[in-house]
Amino acid sequence: DFSAPFVLKRGSTVLELAEAVHQDIAEKLRYAKVWGSAKFPGQPVEKSHILQEGDIVELHAD
């Protein structure tokens, strides 16, 4: 939803984004796909991946 983005501090990780969305997602997070700061569009990244301004993130949890 581009009309209501999550705004995080500079240097935030995928895990911190998941925590901002919902604690259950953070606890069950397996990986994320990122468009923007990843080497390739839609590349799967680890929970520790540092997000950049304008990144689009797809969270994958159990």
PDB file of N, CA and C in Angstrom:
ATOM      1  N   ASP A   1       0.848  -1.177   0.000  1.00  0.00           N
ATOM      2  CA  ASP A   1       0.000   0.000   0.000  1.00  0.00           C
ATOM      3  C   ASP A   1       0.892   1.239   0.000  1.00  0.00           C
ATOM      4  N   PHE A   2       0.981   1.899  -1.103  1.00  0.00           N
ATOM      5  CA  PHE A   2       1.871   3.052  -1.231  1.00  0.00           C
ATOM      6  C   PHE A   2       1.313   4.302  -0.564  1.00  0.00           C
ATOM      7  N   SER A   3       0.041   4.288  -0.180  1.00  0.00           N
ATOM      8  CA  SER A   3      -0.551   5.476   0.436  1.00  0.00           C
ATOM      9  C   SER A   3      -0.273   5.559   1.933  1.00  0.00           C
ATOM     10  N   ALA A   4       0.172   4.462   2.547  1.00  0.00           N
ATOM     11  CA  ALA A   4       0.447   4.459   3.992  1.00  0.00           C
ATOM     12  C   ALA A   4       1.718   3.662   4.280  1.00  0.00           C
ATOM     13  N   PRO A   5       2.880   4.212   3.907  1.00  0.00           N
ATOM     14  CA  PRO A   5       4.135   3.463   4.114  1.00  0.00           C
ATOM     15  C   PRO A   5       4.533   3.408   5.581  1.00  0.00           C
ATOM     16  N   PHE A   6       5.345   2.424   5.929  1.00  0.00           N
ATOM     17  CA  PHE A   6       5.941   2.367   7.259  1.00  0.00           C
ATOM     18  C   PHE A   6       7.180   3.251   7.231  1.00  0.00           C
ATOM     19  N   VAL A   7       7.314   4.104   8.223  1.00  0.00           N
ATOM     20  CA  VAL A   7       8.470   4.990   8.315  1.00  0.00           C
ATOM     21  C   VAL A   7       9.323   4.516   9.483  1.00  0.00           C
ATOM     22  N   LEU A   8      10.589   4.191   9.190  1.00  0.00           N
ATOM     23  CA  LEU A   8      11.511   3.671  10.199  1.00  0.00           C
ATOM     24  C   LEU A   8      12.743   4.559  10.274  1.00  0.00           C
ATOM     25  N   LYS A   9      13.507   4.392  11.351  1.00  0.00           N
ATOM     26  CA  LYS A   9      14.763   5.128  11.493  1.00  0.00           C
ATOM     27  C   LYS A   9      15.761   4.639  10.453  1.00  0.00           C
ATOM     28  N   ARG A  10      16.641   5.530  10.037  1.00  0.00           N
ATOM     29  CA  ARG A  10      17.718   5.171   9.106  1.00  0.00           C
ATOM     30  C   ARG A  10      18.534   4.036   9.721  1.00  0.00           C
ATOM     31  N   GLY A  11      18.855   3.025   8.928  1.00  0.00           N
ATOM     32  CA  GLY A  11      19.633   1.890   9.410  1.00  0.00           C
ATOM     33  C   GLY A  11      18.793   0.754   9.972  1.00  0.00           C
ATOM     34  N   SER A  12      17.464   0.851   9.845  1.00  0.00           N
ATOM     35  CA  SER A  12      16.584  -0.209  10.347  1.00  0.00           C
ATOM     36  C   SER A  12      16.704  -1.461   9.489  1.00  0.00           C
ATOM     37  N   THR A  13      16.443  -2.597  10.113  1.00  0.00           N
ATOM     38  CA  THR A  13      16.548  -3.887   9.436  1.00  0.00           C
ATOM     39  C   THR A  13      15.175  -4.422   9.045  1.00  0.00           C
ATOM     40  N   VAL A  14      15.196  -5.488   8.270  1.00  0.00           N
ATOM     41  CA  VAL A  14      13.961  -6.173   7.895  1.00  0.00           C
ATOM     42  C   VAL A  14      13.226  -6.641   9.152  1.00  0.00           C
ATOM     43  N   LEU A  15      13.948  -7.159  10.127  1.00  0.00           N
ATOM     44  CA  LEU A  15      13.317  -7.621  11.365  1.00  0.00           C
ATOM     45  C   LEU A  15      12.631  -6.467  12.094  1.00  0.00           C
ATOM     46  N   GLU A  16      13.245  -5.310  12.129  1.00  0.00           N
ATOM     47  CA  GLU A  16      12.623  -4.154  12.783  1.00  0.00           C
ATOM     48  C   GLU A  16      11.362  -3.718  12.046  1.00  0.00           C
ATOM     49  N   LEU A  17      11.358  -3.837  10.734  1.00  0.00           N
ATOM     50  CA  LEU A  17      10.135  -3.559   9.973  1.00  0.00           C
ATOM     51  C   LEU A  17       9.051  -4.554  10.353  1.00  0.00           C
ATOM     52  N   ALA A  18       9.402  -5.837  10.406  1.00  0.00           N
ATOM     53  CA  ALA A  18       8.427  -6.866  10.771  1.00  0.00           C
ATOM     54  C   ALA A  18       7.847  -6.597  12.157  1.00  0.00           C
ATOM     55  N   GLU A  19       8.680  -6.158  13.096  1.00  0.00           N
ATOM     56  CA  GLU A  19       8.203  -5.819  14.443  1.00  0.00           C
ATOM     57  C   GLU A  19       7.231  -4.647  14.397  1.00  0.00           C
ATOM     58  N   ALA A  20       7.485  -3.686  13.512  1.00  0.00           N
ATOM     59  CA  ALA A  20       6.598  -2.532  13.377  1.00  0.00           C
ATOM     60  C   ALA A  20       5.246  -2.932  12.792  1.00  0.00           C
ATOM     61  N   VAL A  21       5.247  -3.950  11.935  1.00  0.00           N
ATOM     62  CA  VAL A  21       3.993  -4.420  11.338  1.00  0.00           C
ATOM     63  C   VAL A  21       3.182  -5.181  12.382  1.00  0.00           C
ATOM     64  N   HIS A  22       3.796  -6.205  12.999  1.00  0.00           N
ATOM     65  CA  HIS A  22       3.118  -7.002  14.030  1.00  0.00           C
ATOM     66  C   HIS A  22       4.130  -7.942  14.668  1.00  0.00           C
ATOM     67  N   GLN A  23       4.087  -8.079  15.977  1.00  0.00           N
ATOM     68  CA  GLN A  23       5.051  -8.914  16.695  1.00  0.00           C
ATOM     69  C   GLN A  23       4.996 -10.374  16.238  1.00  0.00           C
ATOM     70  N   ASP A  24       3.808 -10.890  15.931  1.00  0.00           N
ATOM     71  CA  ASP A  24       3.696 -12.280  15.463  1.00  0.00           C
ATOM     72  C   ASP A  24       4.453 -12.489  14.150  1.00  0.00           C
ATOM     73  N   ILE A  25       4.379 -11.516  13.265  1.00  0.00           N
ATOM     74  CA  ILE A  25       5.111 -11.625  11.999  1.00  0.00           C
ATOM     75  C   ILE A  25       6.606 -11.636  12.268  1.00  0.00           C
ATOM     76  N   ALA A  26       7.060 -10.779  13.165  1.00  0.00           N
ATOM     77  CA  ALA A  26       8.488 -10.727  13.503  1.00  0.00           C
ATOM     78  C   ALA A  26       8.967 -12.058  14.073  1.00  0.00           C
ATOM     79  N   GLU A  27       8.168 -12.661  14.932  1.00  0.00           N
ATOM     80  CA  GLU A  27       8.555 -13.925  15.567  1.00  0.00           C
ATOM     81  C   GLU A  27       8.602 -15.077  14.565  1.00  0.00           C
ATOM     82  N   LYS A  28       7.750 -15.040  13.552  1.00  0.00           N
ATOM     83  CA  LYS A  28       7.660 -16.140  12.589  1.00  0.00           C
ATOM     84  C   LYS A  28       8.338 -15.822  11.256  1.00  0.00           C
ATOM     85  N   LEU A  29       9.011 -14.675  11.169  1.00  0.00           N
ATOM     86  CA  LEU A  29       9.630 -14.236   9.921  1.00  0.00           C
ATOM     87  C   LEU A  29      10.704 -15.206   9.460  1.00  0.00           C
ATOM     88  N   ARG A  30      10.610 -15.633   8.202  1.00  0.00           N
ATOM     89  CA  ARG A  30      11.628 -16.506   7.606  1.00  0.00           C
ATOM     90  C   ARG A  30      12.599 -15.688   6.762  1.00  0.00           C
ATOM     91  N   TYR A  31      12.062 -14.846   5.907  1.00  0.00           N
ATOM     92  CA  TYR A  31      12.893 -13.999   5.049  1.00  0.00           C
ATOM     93  C   TYR A  31      12.001 -12.907   4.464  1.00  0.00           C
ATOM     94  N   ALA A  32      12.608 -12.025   3.716  1.00  0.00           N
ATOM     95  CA  ALA A  32      11.859 -10.987   3.022  1.00  0.00           C
ATOM     96  C   ALA A  32      12.395 -10.863   1.602  1.00  0.00           C
ATOM     97  N   LYS A  33      11.570 -10.332   0.718  1.00  0.00           N
ATOM     98  CA  LYS A  33      12.018  -9.967  -0.626  1.00  0.00           C
ATOM     99  C   LYS A  33      12.042  -8.445  -0.667  1.00  0.00           C
ATOM    100  N   VAL A  34      13.115  -7.901  -1.249  1.00  0.00           N
ATOM    101  CA  VAL A  34      13.288  -6.449  -1.267  1.00  0.00           C
ATOM    102  C   VAL A  34      13.490  -5.953  -2.694  1.00  0.00           C
ATOM    103  N   TRP A  35      12.781  -4.890  -3.023  1.00  0.00           N
ATOM    104  CA  TRP A  35      12.976  -4.161  -4.270  1.00  0.00           C
ATOM    105  C   TRP A  35      13.550  -2.811  -3.884  1.00  0.00           C
ATOM    106  N   GLY A  36      14.728  -2.514  -4.365  1.00  0.00           N
ATOM    107  CA  GLY A  36      15.372  -1.236  -4.054  1.00  0.00           C
ATOM    108  C   GLY A  36      16.825  -1.442  -3.679  1.00  0.00           C
ATOM    109  N   SER A  37      17.086  -1.726  -2.402  1.00  0.00           N
ATOM    110  CA  SER A  37      18.472  -1.823  -1.933  1.00  0.00           C
ATOM    111  C   SER A  37      19.099  -3.201  -2.141  1.00  0.00           C
ATOM    112  N   ALA A  38      18.324  -4.177  -2.560  1.00  0.00           N
ATOM    113  CA  ALA A  38      18.882  -5.506  -2.832  1.00  0.00           C
ATOM    114  C   ALA A  38      19.633  -5.464  -4.165  1.00  0.00           C
ATOM    115  N   LYS A  39      20.535  -6.405  -4.350  1.00  0.00           N
ATOM    116  CA  LYS A  39      21.335  -6.436  -5.578  1.00  0.00           C
ATOM    117  C   LYS A  39      20.457  -6.646  -6.813  1.00  0.00           C
ATOM    118  N   PHE A  40      19.423  -7.497  -6.668  1.00  0.00           N
ATOM    119  CA  PHE A  40      18.500  -7.782  -7.760  1.00  0.00           C
ATOM    120  C   PHE A  40      17.079  -7.468  -7.303  1.00  0.00           C
ATOM    121  N   PRO A  41      16.202  -7.002  -8.181  1.00  0.00           N
ATOM    122  CA  PRO A  41      14.815  -6.722  -7.801  1.00  0.00           C
ATOM    123  C   PRO A  41      14.117  -7.974  -7.267  1.00  0.00           C
ATOM    124  N   GLY A  42      13.487  -7.855  -6.110  1.00  0.00           N
ATOM    125  CA  GLY A  42      12.767  -8.972  -5.514  1.00  0.00           C
ATOM    126  C   GLY A  42      13.658 -10.028  -4.904  1.00  0.00           C
ATOM    127  N   GLN A  43      14.895  -9.669  -4.643  1.00  0.00           N
ATOM    128  CA  GLN A  43      15.851 -10.636  -4.090  1.00  0.00           C
ATOM    129  C   GLN A  43      15.491 -10.997  -2.646  1.00  0.00           C
ATOM    130  N   PRO A  44      15.494 -12.297  -2.308  1.00  0.00           N
ATOM    131  CA  PRO A  44      15.304 -12.694  -0.910  1.00  0.00           C
ATOM    132  C   PRO A  44      16.489 -12.212  -0.070  1.00  0.00           C
ATOM    133  N   VAL A  45      16.186 -11.672   1.107  1.00  0.00           N
ATOM    134  CA  VAL A  45      17.228 -11.173   2.004  1.00  0.00           C
ATOM    135  C   VAL A  45      16.997 -11.711   3.412  1.00  0.00           C
ATOM    136  N   GLU A  46      18.033 -11.656   4.217  1.00  0.00           N
ATOM    137  CA  GLU A  46      17.972 -12.096   5.613  1.00  0.00           C
ATOM    138  C   GLU A  46      17.252 -11.054   6.471  1.00  0.00           C
ATOM    139  N   LYS A  47      16.911 -11.463   7.689  1.00  0.00           N
ATOM    140  CA  LYS A  47      16.267 -10.561   8.643  1.00  0.00           C
ATOM    141  C   LYS A  47      17.150  -9.370   8.986  1.00  0.00           C
ATOM    142  N   SER A  48      18.452  -9.549   8.877  1.00  0.00           N
ATOM    143  CA  SER A  48      19.403  -8.503   9.259  1.00  0.00           C
ATOM    144  C   SER A  48      19.687  -7.498   8.141  1.00  0.00           C
ATOM    145  N   HIS A  49      19.057  -7.670   6.978  1.00  0.00           N
ATOM    146  CA  HIS A  49      19.282  -6.753   5.851  1.00  0.00           C
ATOM    147  C   HIS A  49      18.888  -5.337   6.259  1.00  0.00           C
ATOM    148  N   ILE A  50      19.768  -4.382   6.024  1.00  0.00           N
ATOM    149  CA  ILE A  50      19.496  -2.982   6.360  1.00  0.00           C
ATOM    150  C   ILE A  50      18.731  -2.341   5.210  1.00  0.00           C
ATOM    151  N   LEU A  51      17.600  -1.766   5.558  1.00  0.00           N
ATOM    152  CA  LEU A  51      16.725  -1.160   4.559  1.00  0.00           C
ATOM    153  C   LEU A  51      17.182   0.252   4.211  1.00  0.00           C
ATOM    154  N   GLN A  52      16.860   0.666   2.998  1.00  0.00           N
ATOM    155  CA  GLN A  52      17.172   2.008   2.515  1.00  0.00           C
ATOM    156  C   GLN A  52      15.864   2.724   2.182  1.00  0.00           C
ATOM    157  N   GLU A  53      15.932   4.044   2.122  1.00  0.00           N
ATOM    158  CA  GLU A  53      14.751   4.835   1.803  1.00  0.00           C
ATOM    159  C   GLU A  53      14.176   4.406   0.456  1.00  0.00           C
ATOM    160  N   GLY A  54      12.865   4.205   0.419  1.00  0.00           N
ATOM    161  CA  GLY A  54      12.183   3.840  -0.813  1.00  0.00           C
ATOM    162  C   GLY A  54      12.100   2.354  -1.087  1.00  0.00           C
ATOM    163  N   ASP A  55      12.695   1.525  -0.219  1.00  0.00           N
ATOM    164  CA  ASP A  55      12.618   0.075  -0.414  1.00  0.00           C
ATOM    165  C   ASP A  55      11.169  -0.402  -0.359  1.00  0.00           C
ATOM    166  N   ILE A  56      10.878  -1.382  -1.169  1.00  0.00           N
ATOM    167  CA  ILE A  56       9.597  -2.085  -1.110  1.00  0.00           C
ATOM    168  C   ILE A  56       9.910  -3.474  -0.585  1.00  0.00           C
ATOM    169  N   VAL A  57       9.188  -3.884   0.466  1.00  0.00           N
ATOM    170  CA  VAL A  57       9.512  -5.123   1.172  1.00  0.00           C
ATOM    171  C   VAL A  57       8.296  -6.033   1.219  1.00  0.00           C
ATOM    172  N   GLU A  58       8.532  -7.301   0.928  1.00  0.00           N
ATOM    173  CA  GLU A  58       7.513  -8.349   1.024  1.00  0.00           C
ATOM    174  C   GLU A  58       7.990  -9.306   2.115  1.00  0.00           C
ATOM    175  N   LEU A  59       7.250  -9.388   3.227  1.00  0.00           N
ATOM    176  CA  LEU A  59       7.637 -10.234   4.357  1.00  0.00           C
ATOM    177  C   LEU A  59       7.070 -11.637   4.191  1.00  0.00           C
ATOM    178  N   HIS A  60       7.881 -12.661   4.523  1.00  0.00           N
ATOM    179  CA  HIS A  60       7.454 -14.058   4.441  1.00  0.00           C
ATOM    180  C   HIS A  60       7.629 -14.698   5.810  1.00  0.00           C
ATOM    181  N   ALA A  61       6.509 -15.106   6.411  1.00  0.00           N
ATOM    182  CA  ALA A  61       6.523 -15.713   7.739  1.00  0.00           C
ATOM    183  C   ALA A  61       5.733 -17.015   7.706  1.00  0.00           C
ATOM    184  N   ASP A  62       6.016 -17.880   8.671  1.00  0.00           N
ATOM    185  CA  ASP A  62       5.278 -19.147   8.794  1.00  0.00           C
ATOM    186  C   ASP A  62       3.891 -18.895   9.332  1.00  0.00           C
TER     187      ASP A  62
END
